[in-house]
Amino acid sequence: MRWPDPPAQVAPYVSVLGPELALDFLLAFGGAELYLARSPQRRSRVVRLVGAERARALAAAAERLPSRVPLAKPWCAAMLRAQGLPVAEIARRLHASDVAVRGWLRRAAPPDTRQPSLF
């Protein structure tokens, strides 16, 4: 499966967690500040989602991460679409309108090379 390229603010999460787990992480923590402990406890929400080893890897990469976990809704929409979800379900998961999701997906789609340039 071909995943969409992550934007710059999401790339560090994808490099540590991989695209699918990064998507789950952004959906769970996006939009909020998040402290990443160097020695995370098992009861931590981050550990429960990504595991202790990846939580430590995120903490080690903290200097490359933004202070607030990004929402990255256009990238999340493209990821969910790549997983085969319909627009309506993507809109529900991202708490966005179907019109916004269609716009994000349209802008994320590669240009159609079959159409010749007019200029």
PDB file of N, CA and C in Angstrom:
ATOM      1  N   MET A   1       0.850  -1.180   0.000  1.00  0.00           N
ATOM      2  CA  MET A   1       0.000   0.000   0.000  1.00  0.00           C
ATOM      3  C   MET A   1       0.896   1.243   0.000  1.00  0.00           C
ATOM      4  N   ARG A   2       0.565   2.205  -0.818  1.00  0.00           N
ATOM      5  CA  ARG A   2       1.332   3.454  -0.931  1.00  0.00           C
ATOM      6  C   ARG A   2       0.712   4.482   0.005  1.00  0.00           C
ATOM      7  N   TRP A   3       1.484   4.895   1.019  1.00  0.00           N
ATOM      8  CA  TRP A   3       1.003   5.899   1.965  1.00  0.00           C
ATOM      9  C   TRP A   3       1.351   7.288   1.454  1.00  0.00           C
ATOM     10  N   PRO A   4       0.510   8.275   1.757  1.00  0.00           N
ATOM     11  CA  PRO A   4       0.847   9.647   1.364  1.00  0.00           C
ATOM     12  C   PRO A   4       2.063  10.152   2.142  1.00  0.00           C
ATOM     13  N   ASP A   5       2.842  11.005   1.488  1.00  0.00           N
ATOM     14  CA  ASP A   5       4.014  11.581   2.147  1.00  0.00           C
ATOM     15  C   ASP A   5       3.565  12.489   3.283  1.00  0.00           C
ATOM     16  N   PRO A   6       4.199  12.371   4.446  1.00  0.00           N
ATOM     17  CA  PRO A   6       3.785  13.210   5.577  1.00  0.00           C
ATOM     18  C   PRO A   6       4.316  14.634   5.435  1.00  0.00           C
ATOM     19  N   PRO A   7       3.567  15.618   5.936  1.00  0.00           N
ATOM     20  CA  PRO A   7       4.097  16.982   5.967  1.00  0.00           C
ATOM     21  C   PRO A   7       5.229  17.074   6.994  1.00  0.00           C
ATOM     22  N   ALA A   8       5.970  18.169   6.957  1.00  0.00           N
ATOM     23  CA  ALA A   8       7.166  18.324   7.795  1.00  0.00           C
ATOM     24  C   ALA A   8       6.868  18.158   9.281  1.00  0.00           C
ATOM     25  N   GLN A   9       5.736  18.682   9.754  1.00  0.00           N
ATOM     26  CA  GLN A   9       5.457  18.602  11.186  1.00  0.00           C
ATOM     27  C   GLN A   9       5.078  17.187  11.629  1.00  0.00           C
ATOM     28  N   VAL A  10       4.728  16.333  10.689  1.00  0.00           N
ATOM     29  CA  VAL A  10       4.337  14.958  11.013  1.00  0.00           C
ATOM     30  C   VAL A  10       5.479  13.973  10.761  1.00  0.00           C
ATOM     31  N   ALA A  11       6.432  14.342   9.919  1.00  0.00           N
ATOM     32  CA  ALA A  11       7.511  13.433   9.521  1.00  0.00           C
ATOM     33  C   ALA A  11       8.274  12.819  10.703  1.00  0.00           C
ATOM     34  N   PRO A  12       8.599  13.577  11.768  1.00  0.00           N
ATOM     35  CA  PRO A  12       9.299  12.925  12.889  1.00  0.00           C
ATOM     36  C   PRO A  12       8.466  11.824  13.555  1.00  0.00           C
ATOM     37  N   TYR A  13       7.162  12.024  13.637  1.00  0.00           N
ATOM     38  CA  TYR A  13       6.298  10.991  14.223  1.00  0.00           C
ATOM     39  C   TYR A  13       6.293   9.745  13.332  1.00  0.00           C
ATOM     40  N   VAL A  14       6.222   9.965  12.019  1.00  0.00           N
ATOM     41  CA  VAL A  14       6.202   8.840  11.082  1.00  0.00           C
ATOM     42  C   VAL A  14       7.526   8.097  11.111  1.00  0.00           C
ATOM     43  N   SER A  15       8.649   8.815  11.235  1.00  0.00           N
ATOM     44  CA  SER A  15       9.947   8.140  11.252  1.00  0.00           C
ATOM     45  C   SER A  15      10.115   7.270  12.498  1.00  0.00           C
ATOM     46  N   VAL A  16       9.511   7.657  13.606  1.00  0.00           N
ATOM     47  CA  VAL A  16       9.627   6.881  14.847  1.00  0.00           C
ATOM     48  C   VAL A  16       8.564   5.788  14.919  1.00  0.00           C
ATOM     49  N   LEU A  17       7.326   6.119  14.537  1.00  0.00           N
ATOM     50  CA  LEU A  17       6.205   5.207  14.751  1.00  0.00           C
ATOM     51  C   LEU A  17       5.774   4.427  13.512  1.00  0.00           C
ATOM     52  N   GLY A  18       6.146   4.905  12.347  1.00  0.00           N
ATOM     53  CA  GLY A  18       5.610   4.334  11.118  1.00  0.00           C
ATOM     54  C   GLY A  18       4.301   5.033  10.795  1.00  0.00           C
ATOM     55  N   PRO A  19       3.856   4.981   9.541  1.00  0.00           N
ATOM     56  CA  PRO A  19       2.692   5.773   9.137  1.00  0.00           C
ATOM     57  C   PRO A  19       1.379   5.402   9.832  1.00  0.00           C
ATOM     58  N   GLU A  20       1.098   4.123   9.979  1.00  0.00           N
ATOM     59  CA  GLU A  20      -0.188   3.728  10.567  1.00  0.00           C
ATOM     60  C   GLU A  20      -0.269   4.083  12.050  1.00  0.00           C
ATOM     61  N   LEU A  21       0.784   3.812  12.788  1.00  0.00           N
ATOM     62  CA  LEU A  21       0.789   4.129  14.215  1.00  0.00           C
ATOM     63  C   LEU A  21       0.854   5.641  14.433  1.00  0.00           C
ATOM     64  N   ALA A  22       1.555   6.355  13.548  1.00  0.00           N
ATOM     65  CA  ALA A  22       1.589   7.817  13.632  1.00  0.00           C
ATOM     66  C   ALA A  22       0.184   8.388  13.441  1.00  0.00           C
ATOM     67  N   LEU A  23      -0.574   7.813  12.528  1.00  0.00           N
ATOM     68  CA  LEU A  23      -1.958   8.247  12.326  1.00  0.00           C
ATOM     69  C   LEU A  23      -2.764   8.046  13.604  1.00  0.00           C
ATOM     70  N   ASP A  24      -2.672   6.867  14.206  1.00  0.00           N
ATOM     71  CA  ASP A  24      -3.390   6.600  15.456  1.00  0.00           C
ATOM     72  C   ASP A  24      -2.954   7.571  16.558  1.00  0.00           C
ATOM     73  N   PHE A  25      -1.647   7.860  16.611  1.00  0.00           N
ATOM     74  CA  PHE A  25      -1.109   8.778  17.617  1.00  0.00           C
ATOM     75  C   PHE A  25      -1.684  10.181  17.412  1.00  0.00           C
ATOM     76  N   LEU A  26      -1.703  10.667  16.177  1.00  0.00           N
ATOM     77  CA  LEU A  26      -2.236  11.997  15.895  1.00  0.00           C
ATOM     78  C   LEU A  26      -3.726  12.078  16.187  1.00  0.00           C
ATOM     79  N   LEU A  27      -4.454  11.035  15.863  1.00  0.00           N
ATOM     80  CA  LEU A  27      -5.896  11.031  16.153  1.00  0.00           C
ATOM     81  C   LEU A  27      -6.156  11.036  17.656  1.00  0.00           C
ATOM     82  N   ALA A  28      -5.273  10.421  18.426  1.00  0.00           N
ATOM     83  CA  ALA A  28      -5.460  10.352  19.880  1.00  0.00           C
ATOM     84  C   ALA A  28      -4.980  11.609  20.598  1.00  0.00           C
ATOM     85  N   PHE A  29      -3.861  12.192  20.145  1.00  0.00           N
ATOM     86  CA  PHE A  29      -3.239  13.278  20.900  1.00  0.00           C
ATOM     87  C   PHE A  29      -3.152  14.605  20.149  1.00  0.00           C
ATOM     88  N   GLY A  30      -3.586  14.650  18.908  1.00  0.00           N
ATOM     89  CA  GLY A  30      -3.450  15.842  18.080  1.00  0.00           C
ATOM     90  C   GLY A  30      -4.143  17.059  18.666  1.00  0.00           C
ATOM     91  N   GLY A  31      -3.457  18.201  18.588  1.00  0.00           N
ATOM     92  CA  GLY A  31      -4.001  19.462  19.042  1.00  0.00           C
ATOM     93  C   GLY A  31      -3.644  19.836  20.462  1.00  0.00           C
ATOM     94  N   ALA A  32      -2.968  18.978  21.171  1.00  0.00           N
ATOM     95  CA  ALA A  32      -2.657  19.244  22.581  1.00  0.00           C
ATOM     96  C   ALA A  32      -1.157  19.169  22.830  1.00  0.00           C
ATOM     97  N   GLU A  33      -0.725  19.851  23.881  1.00  0.00           N
ATOM     98  CA  GLU A  33       0.655  19.696  24.327  1.00  0.00           C
ATOM     99  C   GLU A  33       0.775  18.312  24.959  1.00  0.00           C
ATOM    100  N   LEU A  34       1.943  17.721  24.823  1.00  0.00           N
ATOM    101  CA  LEU A  34       2.131  16.379  25.348  1.00  0.00           C
ATOM    102  C   LEU A  34       3.545  16.248  25.887  1.00  0.00           C
ATOM    103  N   TYR A  35       3.641  15.858  27.137  1.00  0.00           N
ATOM    104  CA  TYR A  35       4.947  15.606  27.743  1.00  0.00           C
ATOM    105  C   TYR A  35       5.331  14.166  27.440  1.00  0.00           C
ATOM    106  N   LEU A  36       6.516  13.995  26.895  1.00  0.00           N
ATOM    107  CA  LEU A  36       7.018  12.666  26.581  1.00  0.00           C
ATOM    108  C   LEU A  36       8.162  12.347  27.550  1.00  0.00           C
ATOM    109  N   ALA A  37       7.884  11.484  28.508  1.00  0.00           N
ATOM    110  CA  ALA A  37       8.864  11.129  29.537  1.00  0.00           C
ATOM    111  C   ALA A  37       9.939  10.226  28.954  1.00  0.00           C
ATOM    112  N   ARG A  38      11.171  10.435  29.398  1.00  0.00           N
ATOM    113  CA  ARG A  38      12.277   9.577  28.955  1.00  0.00           C
ATOM    114  C   ARG A  38      12.130   8.163  29.502  1.00  0.00           C
ATOM    115  N   SER A  39      11.508   8.033  30.680  1.00  0.00           N
ATOM    116  CA  SER A  39      11.229   6.724  31.275  1.00  0.00           C
ATOM    117  C   SER A  39       9.721   6.613  31.489  1.00  0.00           C
ATOM    118  N   PRO A  40       8.963   6.328  30.434  1.00  0.00           N
ATOM    119  CA  PRO A  40       7.503   6.314  30.565  1.00  0.00           C
ATOM    120  C   PRO A  40       7.010   5.144  31.418  1.00  0.00           C
ATOM    121  N   GLN A  41       5.937   5.386  32.128  1.00  0.00           N
ATOM    122  CA  GLN A  41       5.314   4.362  32.967  1.00  0.00           C
ATOM    123  C   GLN A  41       4.313   3.558  32.140  1.00  0.00           C
ATOM    124  N   ARG A  42       4.051   2.338  32.555  1.00  0.00           N
ATOM    125  CA  ARG A  42       3.125   1.475  31.813  1.00  0.00           C
ATOM    126  C   ARG A  42       1.715   2.023  31.761  1.00  0.00           C
ATOM    127  N   ARG A  43       1.313   2.827  32.745  1.00  0.00           N
ATOM    128  CA  ARG A  43      -0.053   3.342  32.785  1.00  0.00           C
ATOM    129  C   ARG A  43      -0.237   4.576  31.900  1.00  0.00           C
ATOM    130  N   SER A  44       0.840   5.070  31.313  1.00  0.00           N
ATOM    131  CA  SER A  44       0.784   6.234  30.438  1.00  0.00           C
ATOM    132  C   SER A  44      -0.080   5.939  29.210  1.00  0.00           C
ATOM    133  N   ARG A  45      -0.875   6.923  28.792  1.00  0.00           N
ATOM    134  CA  ARG A  45      -1.695   6.754  27.587  1.00  0.00           C
ATOM    135  C   ARG A  45      -0.828   6.547  26.358  1.00  0.00           C
ATOM    136  N   VAL A  46       0.314   7.218  26.322  1.00  0.00           N
ATOM    137  CA  VAL A  46       1.224   7.066  25.187  1.00  0.00           C
ATOM    138  C   VAL A  46       1.745   5.631  25.129  1.00  0.00           C
ATOM    139  N   VAL A  47       2.148   5.083  26.273  1.00  0.00           N
ATOM    140  CA  VAL A  47       2.652   3.707  26.315  1.00  0.00           C
ATOM    141  C   VAL A  47       1.559   2.728  25.927  1.00  0.00           C
ATOM    142  N   ARG A  48       0.356   2.961  26.396  1.00  0.00           N
ATOM    143  CA  ARG A  48      -0.743   2.052  26.043  1.00  0.00           C
ATOM    144  C   ARG A  48      -1.020   2.054  24.543  1.00  0.00           C
ATOM    145  N   LEU A  49      -0.783   3.182  23.888  1.00  0.00           N
ATOM    146  CA  LEU A  49      -1.056   3.271  22.455  1.00  0.00           C
ATOM    147  C   LEU A  49       0.109   2.752  21.612  1.00  0.00           C
ATOM    148  N   VAL A  50       1.344   3.173  21.934  1.00  0.00           N
ATOM    149  CA  VAL A  50       2.470   2.858  21.057  1.00  0.00           C
ATOM    150  C   VAL A  50       3.455   1.856  21.653  1.00  0.00           C
ATOM    151  N   GLY A  51       3.346   1.565  22.936  1.00  0.00           N
ATOM    152  CA  GLY A  51       4.291   0.661  23.589  1.00  0.00           C
ATOM    153  C   GLY A  51       5.432   1.436  24.225  1.00  0.00           C
ATOM    154  N   ALA A  52       6.080   0.827  25.208  1.00  0.00           N
ATOM    155  CA  ALA A  52       7.122   1.497  25.982  1.00  0.00           C
ATOM    156  C   ALA A  52       8.345   1.835  25.131  1.00  0.00           C
ATOM    157  N   GLU A  53       8.743   0.934  24.263  1.00  0.00           N
ATOM    158  CA  GLU A  53       9.937   1.172  23.447  1.00  0.00           C
ATOM    159  C   GLU A  53       9.738   2.361  22.505  1.00  0.00           C
ATOM    160  N   ARG A  54       8.607   2.403  21.843  1.00  0.00           N
ATOM    161  CA  ARG A  54       8.342   3.536  20.934  1.00  0.00           C
ATOM    162  C   ARG A  54       8.107   4.827  21.701  1.00  0.00           C
ATOM    163  N   ALA A  55       7.537   4.738  22.895  1.00  0.00           N
ATOM    164  CA  ALA A  55       7.366   5.943  23.719  1.00  0.00           C
ATOM    165  C   ALA A  55       8.722   6.516  24.097  1.00  0.00           C
ATOM    166  N   ARG A  56       9.677   5.653  24.406  1.00  0.00           N
ATOM    167  CA  ARG A  56      11.039   6.123  24.698  1.00  0.00           C
ATOM    168  C   ARG A  56      11.679   6.724  23.441  1.00  0.00           C
ATOM    169  N   ALA A  57      11.419   6.117  22.298  1.00  0.00           N
ATOM    170  CA  ALA A  57      11.970   6.645  21.046  1.00  0.00           C
ATOM    171  C   ALA A  57      11.374   8.027  20.733  1.00  0.00           C
ATOM    172  N   LEU A  58      10.092   8.204  21.012  1.00  0.00           N
ATOM    173  CA  LEU A  58       9.484   9.524  20.833  1.00  0.00           C
ATOM    174  C   LEU A  58      10.114  10.549  21.759  1.00  0.00           C
ATOM    175  N   ALA A  59      10.350  10.159  23.007  1.00  0.00           N
ATOM    176  CA  ALA A  59      10.978  11.075  23.964  1.00  0.00           C
ATOM    177  C   ALA A  59      12.383  11.442  23.507  1.00  0.00           C
ATOM    178  N   ALA A  60      13.100  10.498  22.943  1.00  0.00           N
ATOM    179  CA  ALA A  60      14.449  10.776  22.447  1.00  0.00           C
ATOM    180  C   ALA A  60      14.414  11.723  21.251  1.00  0.00           C
ATOM    181  N   ALA A  61      13.341  11.679  20.485  1.00  0.00           N
ATOM    182  CA  ALA A  61      13.201  12.551  19.316  1.00  0.00           C
ATOM    183  C   ALA A  61      12.464  13.848  19.649  1.00  0.00           C
ATOM    184  N   ALA A  62      12.242  14.119  20.914  1.00  0.00           N
ATOM    185  CA  ALA A  62      11.421  15.261  21.335  1.00  0.00           C
ATOM    186  C   ALA A  62      11.931  16.593  20.809  1.00  0.00           C
ATOM    187  N   GLU A  63      13.239  16.730  20.621  1.00  0.00           N
ATOM    188  CA  GLU A  63      13.752  18.009  20.130  1.00  0.00           C
ATOM    189  C   GLU A  63      13.345  18.271  18.677  1.00  0.00           C
ATOM    190  N   ARG A  64      12.997  17.219  17.937  1.00  0.00           N
ATOM    191  CA  ARG A  64      12.531  17.381  16.552  1.00  0.00           C
ATOM    192  C   ARG A  64      11.020  17.528  16.464  1.00  0.00           C
ATOM    193  N   LEU A  65      10.324  17.299  17.559  1.00  0.00           N
ATOM    194  CA  LEU A  65       8.859  17.332  17.554  1.00  0.00           C
ATOM    195  C   LEU A  65       8.357  18.719  17.927  1.00  0.00           C
ATOM    196  N   PRO A  66       7.231  19.129  17.336  1.00  0.00           N
ATOM    197  CA  PRO A  66       6.643  20.407  17.754  1.00  0.00           C
ATOM    198  C   PRO A  66       6.147  20.324  19.193  1.00  0.00           C
ATOM    199  N   SER A  67       6.031  21.478  19.863  1.00  0.00           N
ATOM    200  CA  SER A  67       5.610  21.465  21.266  1.00  0.00           C
ATOM    201  C   SER A  67       4.169  20.985  21.419  1.00  0.00           C
ATOM    202  N   ARG A  68       3.377  21.196  20.408  1.00  0.00           N
ATOM    203  CA  ARG A  68       1.982  20.739  20.419  1.00  0.00           C
ATOM    204  C   ARG A  68       1.842  19.674  19.335  1.00  0.00           C
ATOM    205  N   VAL A  69       1.198  18.574  19.651  1.00  0.00           N
ATOM    206  CA  VAL A  69       1.015  17.507  18.665  1.00  0.00           C
ATOM    207  C   VAL A  69       0.138  18.055  17.539  1.00  0.00           C
ATOM    208  N   PRO A  70       0.609  17.965  16.296  1.00  0.00           N
ATOM    209  CA  PRO A  70      -0.167  18.549  15.194  1.00  0.00           C
ATOM    210  C   PRO A  70      -1.455  17.771  14.921  1.00  0.00           C
ATOM    211  N   LEU A  71      -2.438  18.488  14.395  1.00  0.00           N
ATOM    212  CA  LEU A  71      -3.672  17.841  13.968  1.00  0.00           C
ATOM    213  C   LEU A  71      -3.481  17.184  12.606  1.00  0.00           C
ATOM    214  N   ALA A  72      -2.849  17.895  11.694  1.00  0.00           N
ATOM    215  CA  ALA A  72      -2.526  17.374  10.352  1.00  0.00           C
ATOM    216  C   ALA A  72      -3.720  16.694   9.698  1.00  0.00           C
ATOM    217  N   LYS A  73      -4.866  17.337   9.756  1.00  0.00           N
ATOM    218  CA  LYS A  73      -6.081  16.715   9.226  1.00  0.00           C
ATOM    219  C   LYS A  73      -6.004  16.362   7.741  1.00  0.00           C
ATOM    220  N   PRO A  74      -5.396  17.200   6.885  1.00  0.00           N
ATOM    221  CA  PRO A  74      -5.306  16.782   5.472  1.00  0.00           C
ATOM    222  C   PRO A  74      -4.508  15.484   5.290  1.00  0.00           C
ATOM    223  N   TRP A  75      -3.402  15.344   6.019  1.00  0.00           N
ATOM    224  CA  TRP A  75      -2.614  14.116   5.908  1.00  0.00           C
ATOM    225  C   TRP A  75      -3.385  12.934   6.501  1.00  0.00           C
ATOM    226  N   CYS A  76      -4.035  13.158   7.634  1.00  0.00           N
ATOM    227  CA  CYS A  76      -4.829  12.081   8.245  1.00  0.00           C
ATOM    228  C   CYS A  76      -5.946  11.640   7.305  1.00  0.00           C
ATOM    229  N   ALA A  77      -6.578  12.595   6.630  1.00  0.00           N
ATOM    230  CA  ALA A  77      -7.638  12.258   5.674  1.00  0.00           C
ATOM    231  C   ALA A  77      -7.078  11.404   4.545  1.00  0.00           C
ATOM    232  N   ALA A  78      -5.910  11.782   4.023  1.00  0.00           N
ATOM    233  CA  ALA A  78      -5.297  11.006   2.944  1.00  0.00           C
ATOM    234  C   ALA A  78      -4.917   9.602   3.422  1.00  0.00           C
ATOM    235  N   MET A  79      -4.433   9.493   4.649  1.00  0.00           N
ATOM    236  CA  MET A  79      -4.089   8.181   5.203  1.00  0.00           C
ATOM    237  C   MET A  79      -5.329   7.304   5.355  1.00  0.00           C
ATOM    238  N   LEU A  80      -6.397   7.892   5.892  1.00  0.00           N
ATOM    239  CA  LEU A  80      -7.624   7.123   6.083  1.00  0.00           C
ATOM    240  C   LEU A  80      -8.224   6.707   4.740  1.00  0.00           C
ATOM    241  N   ARG A  81      -8.112   7.582   3.742  1.00  0.00           N
ATOM    242  CA  ARG A  81      -8.606   7.241   2.407  1.00  0.00           C
ATOM    243  C   ARG A  81      -7.785   6.101   1.820  1.00  0.00           C
ATOM    244  N   ALA A  82      -6.450   6.131   2.046  1.00  0.00           N
ATOM    245  CA  ALA A  82      -5.579   5.061   1.559  1.00  0.00           C
ATOM    246  C   ALA A  82      -5.929   3.728   2.215  1.00  0.00           C
ATOM    247  N   GLN A  83      -6.510   3.778   3.413  1.00  0.00           N
ATOM    248  CA  GLN A  83      -6.951   2.558   4.091  1.00  0.00           C
ATOM    249  C   GLN A  83      -8.313   2.094   3.579  1.00  0.00           C
ATOM    250  N   GLY A  84      -8.916   2.879   2.694  1.00  0.00           N
ATOM    251  CA  GLY A  84     -10.170   2.477   2.070  1.00  0.00           C
ATOM    252  C   GLY A  84     -11.428   3.028   2.714  1.00  0.00           C
ATOM    253  N   LEU A  85     -11.301   3.953   3.653  1.00  0.00           N
ATOM    254  CA  LEU A  85     -12.483   4.513   4.309  1.00  0.00           C
ATOM    255  C   LEU A  85     -13.210   5.488   3.391  1.00  0.00           C
ATOM    256  N   PRO A  86     -14.536   5.513   3.451  1.00  0.00           N
ATOM    257  CA  PRO A  86     -15.289   6.478   2.654  1.00  0.00           C
ATOM    258  C   PRO A  86     -15.187   7.880   3.255  1.00  0.00           C
ATOM    259  N   VAL A  87     -15.494   8.875   2.442  1.00  0.00           N
ATOM    260  CA  VAL A  87     -15.380  10.273   2.851  1.00  0.00           C
ATOM    261  C   VAL A  87     -16.207  10.552   4.105  1.00  0.00           C
ATOM    262  N   ALA A  88     -17.412  10.023   4.181  1.00  0.00           N
ATOM    263  CA  ALA A  88     -18.274  10.284   5.340  1.00  0.00           C
ATOM    264  C   ALA A  88     -17.641   9.775   6.636  1.00  0.00           C
ATOM    265  N   GLU A  89     -17.029   8.610   6.591  1.00  0.00           N
ATOM    266  CA  GLU A  89     -16.382   8.060   7.792  1.00  0.00           C
ATOM    267  C   GLU A  89     -15.132   8.866   8.159  1.00  0.00           C
ATOM    268  N   ILE A  90     -14.389   9.290   7.162  1.00  0.00           N
ATOM    269  CA  ILE A  90     -13.211  10.124   7.417  1.00  0.00           C
ATOM    270  C   ILE A  90     -13.645  11.420   8.093  1.00  0.00           C
ATOM    271  N   ALA A  91     -14.711  12.022   7.581  1.00  0.00           N
ATOM    272  CA  ALA A  91     -15.226  13.269   8.166  1.00  0.00           C
ATOM    273  C   ALA A  91     -15.630  13.060   9.623  1.00  0.00           C
ATOM    274  N   ARG A  92     -16.271  11.946   9.924  1.00  0.00           N
ATOM    275  CA  ARG A  92     -16.658  11.662  11.312  1.00  0.00           C
ATOM    276  C   ARG A  92     -15.437  11.500  12.204  1.00  0.00           C
ATOM    277  N   ARG A  93     -14.450  10.764  11.739  1.00  0.00           N
ATOM    278  CA  ARG A  93     -13.254  10.519  12.568  1.00  0.00           C
ATOM    279  C   ARG A  93     -12.448  11.789  12.810  1.00  0.00           C
ATOM    280  N   LEU A  94     -12.428  12.686  11.824  1.00  0.00           N
ATOM    281  CA  LEU A  94     -11.633  13.905  11.944  1.00  0.00           C
ATOM    282  C   LEU A  94     -12.442  15.088  12.469  1.00  0.00           C
ATOM    283  N   HIS A  95     -13.723  14.861  12.739  1.00  0.00           N
ATOM    284  CA  HIS A  95     -14.604  15.938  13.200  1.00  0.00           C
ATOM    285  C   HIS A  95     -14.542  17.117  12.235  1.00  0.00           C
ATOM    286  N   ALA A  96     -14.750  16.796  10.963  1.00  0.00           N
ATOM    287  CA  ALA A  96     -14.720  17.788   9.899  1.00  0.00           C
ATOM    288  C   ALA A  96     -15.896  17.527   8.972  1.00  0.00           C
ATOM    289  N   SER A  97     -16.189  18.480   8.118  1.00  0.00           N
ATOM    290  CA  SER A  97     -17.277  18.288   7.163  1.00  0.00           C
ATOM    291  C   SER A  97     -16.798  17.441   5.985  1.00  0.00           C
ATOM    292  N   ASP A  98     -17.751  16.820   5.311  1.00  0.00           N
ATOM    293  CA  ASP A  98     -17.403  16.033   4.128  1.00  0.00           C
ATOM    294  C   ASP A  98     -16.843  16.936   3.031  1.00  0.00           C
ATOM    295  N   VAL A  99     -17.285  18.192   2.985  1.00  0.00           N
ATOM    296  CA  VAL A  99     -16.776  19.146   1.998  1.00  0.00           C
ATOM    297  C   VAL A  99     -15.291  19.414   2.252  1.00  0.00           C
ATOM    298  N   ALA A 100     -14.918  19.611   3.520  1.00  0.00           N
ATOM    299  CA  ALA A 100     -13.512  19.834   3.858  1.00  0.00           C
ATOM    300  C   ALA A 100     -12.673  18.613   3.502  1.00  0.00           C
ATOM    301  N   VAL A 101     -13.165  17.429   3.812  1.00  0.00           N
ATOM    302  CA  VAL A 101     -12.421  16.200   3.523  1.00  0.00           C
ATOM    303  C   VAL A 101     -12.218  16.052   2.026  1.00  0.00           C
ATOM    304  N   ARG A 102     -13.250  16.296   1.228  1.00  0.00           N
ATOM    305  CA  ARG A 102     -13.101  16.189  -0.223  1.00  0.00           C
ATOM    306  C   ARG A 102     -12.054  17.181  -0.740  1.00  0.00           C
ATOM    307  N   GLY A 103     -12.046  18.386  -0.182  1.00  0.00           N
ATOM    308  CA  GLY A 103     -11.050  19.377  -0.577  1.00  0.00           C
ATOM    309  C   GLY A 103      -9.638  18.932  -0.235  1.00  0.00           C
ATOM    310  N   TRP A 104      -9.450  18.393   0.979  1.00  0.00           N
ATOM    311  CA  TRP A 104      -8.133  17.904   1.383  1.00  0.00           C
ATOM    312  C   TRP A 104      -7.667  16.787   0.463  1.00  0.00           C
ATOM    313  N   LEU A 105      -8.582  15.873   0.156  1.00  0.00           N
ATOM    314  CA  LEU A 105      -8.216  14.741  -0.687  1.00  0.00           C
ATOM    315  C   LEU A 105      -7.913  15.189  -2.115  1.00  0.00           C
ATOM    316  N   ARG A 106      -8.656  16.156  -2.601  1.00  0.00           N
ATOM    317  CA  ARG A 106      -8.418  16.670  -3.954  1.00  0.00           C
ATOM    318  C   ARG A 106      -7.031  17.327  -4.044  1.00  0.00           C
ATOM    319  N   ARG A 107      -6.675  18.115  -3.024  1.00  0.00           N
ATOM    320  CA  ARG A 107      -5.367  18.780  -3.023  1.00  0.00           C
ATOM    321  C   ARG A 107      -4.225  17.784  -2.807  1.00  0.00           C
ATOM    322  N   ALA A 108      -4.492  16.689  -2.126  1.00  0.00           N
ATOM    323  CA  ALA A 108      -3.444  15.694  -1.854  1.00  0.00           C
ATOM    324  C   ALA A 108      -3.223  14.750  -3.034  1.00  0.00           C
ATOM    325  N   ALA A 109      -4.181  14.689  -3.944  1.00  0.00           N
ATOM    326  CA  ALA A 109      -4.070  13.766  -5.079  1.00  0.00           C
ATOM    327  C   ALA A 109      -2.998  14.248  -6.049  1.00  0.00           C
ATOM    328  N   PRO A 110      -2.225  13.329  -6.605  1.00  0.00           N
ATOM    329  CA  PRO A 110      -1.227  13.740  -7.589  1.00  0.00           C
ATOM    330  C   PRO A 110      -1.921  14.264  -8.842  1.00  0.00           C
ATOM    331  N   PRO A 111      -1.284  15.184  -9.563  1.00  0.00           N
ATOM    332  CA  PRO A 111      -1.912  15.722 -10.760  1.00  0.00           C
ATOM    333  C   PRO A 111      -2.094  14.638 -11.813  1.00  0.00           C
ATOM    334  N   ASP A 112      -3.127  14.775 -12.593  1.00  0.00           N
ATOM    335  CA  ASP A 112      -3.426  13.819 -13.646  1.00  0.00           C
ATOM    336  C   ASP A 112      -2.489  14.095 -14.820  1.00  0.00           C
ATOM    337  N   THR A 113      -1.563  13.202 -15.073  1.00  0.00           N
ATOM    338  CA  THR A 113      -0.584  13.406 -16.141  1.00  0.00           C
ATOM    339  C   THR A 113      -1.143  13.062 -17.515  1.00  0.00           C
ATOM    340  N   ARG A 114      -2.335  12.506 -17.560  1.00  0.00           N
ATOM    341  CA  ARG A 114      -2.936  12.190 -18.855  1.00  0.00           C
ATOM    342  C   ARG A 114      -3.435  13.439 -19.558  1.00  0.00           C
ATOM    343  N   GLN A 115      -3.710  14.486 -18.794  1.00  0.00           N
ATOM    344  CA  GLN A 115      -4.194  15.731 -19.374  1.00  0.00           C
ATOM    345  C   GLN A 115      -3.022  16.568 -19.873  1.00  0.00           C
ATOM    346  N   PRO A 116      -2.982  16.896 -21.171  1.00  0.00           N
ATOM    347  CA  PRO A 116      -1.873  17.711 -21.661  1.00  0.00           C
ATOM    348  C   PRO A 116      -2.000  19.156 -21.157  1.00  0.00           C
ATOM    349  N   SER A 117      -0.862  19.793 -21.010  1.00  0.00           N
ATOM    350  CA  SER A 117      -0.827  21.165 -20.557  1.00  0.00           C
ATOM    351  C   SER A 117      -1.352  22.091 -21.646  1.00  0.00           C
ATOM    352  N   LEU A 118      -2.063  23.125 -21.267  1.00  0.00           N
ATOM    353  CA  LEU A 118      -2.575  24.085 -22.225  1.00  0.00           C
ATOM    354  C   LEU A 118      -1.517  25.109 -22.612  1.00  0.00           C
ATOM    355  N   PHE A 119      -0.437  25.180 -21.847  1.00  0.00           N
ATOM    356  CA  PHE A 119       0.594  26.181 -22.133  1.00  0.00           C
ATOM    357  C   PHE A 119       1.944  25.561 -22.302  1.00  0.00           C
TER     358      PHE A 119
END
